[in-house]
Amino acid sequence: SITLHSDAFQELVLNSEGVWLVQVFASWARPCQELSPVWESVYGKLKGLIGIARVNSERDSRMVDKLGVRTVPTILGITNGAIKQFHGSNTVNEIVDFAASLIPGPVLIVDGSNIDSFLQQSPSKVHVILFSTRSKPSATLRYAVAEMKGEMVFAQ
């Protein structure tokens, strides 16, 4: 992941229309050091799907204050400038699931009552249905939606 400073953070992350996962850290903090290998694994899984960056709280304390960050490490999800703080275990799977929840996209939850209307919408597009026991779109489906950028219609 890249380390961003105030100006670049404002331009690339807060003013963008994309999804970003941002870790606010301090190099001296043991919890940040312990999160480092987890963060690298998260980066490996999400690279190319969303923006992933780090902000050094020691170098950019004013910006960190503006973001409302009080402790390190803090993980933020930012979608189209809207900031959401991650609350969970600092595991690869939980962070990846959090990142997936940030991806906007039209994923319809279908069942027997609405599957016909789903299949009839956008007849020129490929329709993809992921069969799952989950009540909300899975990480896999959200990433597919982000990757296909409106070329297909998705349901779960």
Protein backbone atom coordinates (compact mmCIF):
# COMPACT_ATOMS: atom_id res chain seq x y z
CA SER A 1 0.00 0.00 0.00
CA ILE A 2 1.05 3.59 -0.42
CA THR A 3 1.59 6.15 2.34
CA LEU A 4 -0.24 9.39 1.59
CA HIS A 5 0.38 12.88 2.94
CA SER A 6 -2.22 15.63 3.46
CA ASP A 7 -2.40 17.08 -0.06
CA ALA A 8 -2.40 13.74 -1.84
CA PHE A 9 -4.90 12.30 0.63
CA GLN A 10 -7.34 15.14 0.03
CA GLU A 11 -7.01 14.87 -3.75
CA LEU A 12 -6.81 11.08 -4.22
CA VAL A 13 -9.05 9.85 -1.44
CA LEU A 14 -11.50 12.44 -0.11
CA ASN A 15 -12.20 14.07 -3.47
CA SER A 16 -12.39 10.82 -5.44
CA GLU A 17 -15.45 8.89 -6.50
CA GLY A 18 -13.85 5.58 -5.62
CA VAL A 19 -13.55 3.33 -2.61
CA TRP A 20 -10.51 3.54 -0.35
CA LEU A 21 -9.34 1.55 2.64
CA VAL A 22 -7.00 3.65 4.77
CA GLN A 23 -4.93 2.72 7.80
CA VAL A 24 -3.89 5.52 10.13
CA PHE A 25 -0.73 4.43 11.91
CA ALA A 26 2.26 5.49 13.98
CA SER A 27 5.55 3.72 13.40
CA TRP A 28 6.35 3.59 17.13
CA ALA A 29 3.04 1.98 18.18
CA ARG A 30 3.25 -1.75 18.84
CA PRO A 31 -0.37 -2.41 17.71
CA CYS A 32 0.47 -0.76 14.38
CA GLN A 33 3.56 -2.93 14.04
CA GLU A 34 1.46 -6.01 14.78
CA LEU A 35 -1.12 -4.99 12.18
CA SER A 36 1.51 -4.51 9.47
CA PRO A 37 1.59 -8.12 8.13
CA VAL A 38 -2.22 -8.28 8.23
CA TRP A 39 -2.40 -5.00 6.29
CA GLU A 40 0.01 -6.34 3.67
CA SER A 41 -2.19 -9.44 3.25
CA VAL A 42 -5.27 -7.25 2.90
CA TYR A 43 -3.41 -5.19 0.30
CA GLY A 44 -2.54 -8.37 -1.60
CA LYS A 45 -6.19 -9.43 -1.71
CA LEU A 46 -7.67 -6.04 -2.61
CA LYS A 47 -4.98 -4.48 -4.82
CA GLY A 48 -6.54 -3.28 -8.05
CA LEU A 49 -10.11 -3.52 -6.74
CA ILE A 50 -10.11 -0.52 -4.40
CA GLY A 51 -7.60 2.10 -3.32
CA ILE A 52 -5.49 1.11 -0.32
CA ALA A 53 -3.32 3.56 1.56
CA ARG A 54 -1.75 4.42 4.88
CA VAL A 55 -1.51 7.76 6.67
CA ASN A 56 1.30 8.41 9.16
CA SER A 57 -0.28 10.10 12.17
CA GLU A 58 3.09 11.48 13.25
CA ARG A 59 3.57 13.41 10.01
CA ASP A 60 -0.01 14.46 9.37
CA SER A 61 -1.53 15.03 12.81
CA ARG A 62 -3.81 17.86 11.66
CA MET A 63 -5.32 15.76 8.93
CA VAL A 64 -5.71 12.82 11.32
CA ASP A 65 -7.53 15.14 13.74
CA LYS A 66 -9.86 16.29 10.94
CA LEU A 67 -10.66 12.64 10.22
CA GLY A 68 -11.67 12.17 13.85
CA VAL A 69 -9.00 9.56 14.54
CA ARG A 70 -8.03 9.35 18.20
CA THR A 71 -6.12 6.06 18.40
CA VAL A 72 -3.77 4.09 16.19
CA PRO A 73 -4.10 1.92 14.35
CA THR A 74 -7.43 3.03 12.93
CA ILE A 75 -8.84 1.67 9.70
CA LEU A 76 -11.14 3.90 7.69
CA GLY A 77 -13.32 3.06 4.73
CA ILE A 78 -13.96 5.97 2.41
CA THR A 79 -16.51 5.85 -0.39
CA ASN A 80 -17.05 8.95 -2.52
CA GLY A 81 -15.65 11.08 0.31
CA ALA A 82 -17.89 9.55 3.02
CA ILE A 83 -15.85 8.14 5.92
CA LYS A 84 -16.75 5.02 7.87
CA GLN A 85 -14.57 3.63 10.67
CA PHE A 86 -13.85 -0.10 10.90
CA HIS A 87 -14.87 -1.72 14.18
CA GLY A 88 -13.87 -5.34 14.36
CA SER A 89 -11.03 -7.77 14.78
CA ASN A 90 -7.88 -6.86 12.93
CA THR A 91 -7.95 -10.03 10.87
CA VAL A 92 -7.54 -10.25 7.12
CA ASN A 93 -11.03 -11.67 6.60
CA GLU A 94 -12.82 -9.07 8.74
CA ILE A 95 -10.98 -6.18 7.11
CA VAL A 96 -11.63 -7.57 3.61
CA ASP A 97 -15.34 -8.01 4.45
CA PHE A 98 -15.44 -4.43 5.73
CA ALA A 99 -13.85 -3.23 2.48
CA ALA A 100 -16.40 -5.21 0.47
CA SER A 101 -19.24 -3.55 2.38
CA LEU A 102 -17.98 -0.17 1.14
CA ILE A 103 -18.35 -0.99 -2.55
CA PRO A 104 -21.53 0.54 -3.89
CA GLY A 105 -23.32 -1.43 -6.48
CA PRO A 106 -26.67 -2.61 -7.56
CA VAL A 107 -26.90 -6.09 -6.08
CA LEU A 108 -30.46 -7.28 -5.84
CA ILE A 109 -31.38 -9.92 -3.31
CA VAL A 110 -33.72 -12.25 -5.22
CA ASP A 111 -36.07 -14.99 -4.19
CA GLY A 112 -39.01 -16.74 -5.80
CA SER A 113 -41.14 -13.59 -5.71
CA ASN A 114 -38.84 -11.31 -7.71
CA ILE A 115 -36.52 -13.47 -9.78
CA ASP A 116 -38.60 -13.04 -12.95
CA SER A 117 -38.45 -9.24 -12.76
CA PHE A 118 -34.68 -9.43 -12.16
CA LEU A 119 -34.19 -11.60 -15.26
CA GLN A 120 -36.29 -9.22 -17.38
CA GLN A 121 -34.38 -6.04 -16.43
CA SER A 122 -31.63 -4.86 -18.78
CA PRO A 123 -32.19 -7.56 -21.42
CA SER A 124 -28.99 -6.67 -23.30
CA LYS A 125 -26.79 -7.43 -20.27
CA VAL A 126 -25.56 -10.70 -18.85
CA HIS A 127 -27.37 -11.58 -15.61
CA VAL A 128 -25.34 -13.14 -12.80
CA ILE A 129 -26.94 -14.81 -9.78
CA LEU A 130 -24.86 -15.98 -6.84
CA PHE A 131 -26.68 -18.59 -4.79
CA SER A 132 -25.99 -18.10 -1.11
CA THR A 133 -27.52 -18.45 2.33
CA ARG A 134 -26.43 -14.90 3.26
CA SER A 135 -29.00 -12.15 3.66
CA LYS A 136 -26.69 -9.45 2.26
CA PRO A 137 -24.36 -9.38 -0.75
CA SER A 138 -21.16 -11.32 -0.22
CA ALA A 139 -17.68 -9.85 -0.62
CA THR A 140 -17.17 -11.93 -3.77
CA LEU A 141 -20.25 -10.50 -5.41
CA ARG A 142 -19.45 -6.91 -4.43
CA TYR A 143 -15.97 -7.22 -5.96
CA ALA A 144 -17.46 -8.67 -9.14
CA VAL A 145 -19.85 -5.71 -9.35
CA ALA A 146 -16.97 -3.27 -8.90
CA GLU A 147 -14.84 -5.06 -11.48
CA MET A 148 -17.54 -5.28 -14.14
CA LYS A 149 -18.57 -1.59 -13.79
CA GLY A 150 -22.16 -1.94 -14.96
CA GLU A 151 -21.52 -4.43 -17.77
CA MET A 152 -23.55 -7.10 -16.01
CA VAL A 153 -26.56 -7.25 -13.72
CA PHE A 154 -26.01 -8.98 -10.37
CA ALA A 155 -28.23 -10.71 -7.83
CA GLN A 156 -27.79 -12.97 -4.88
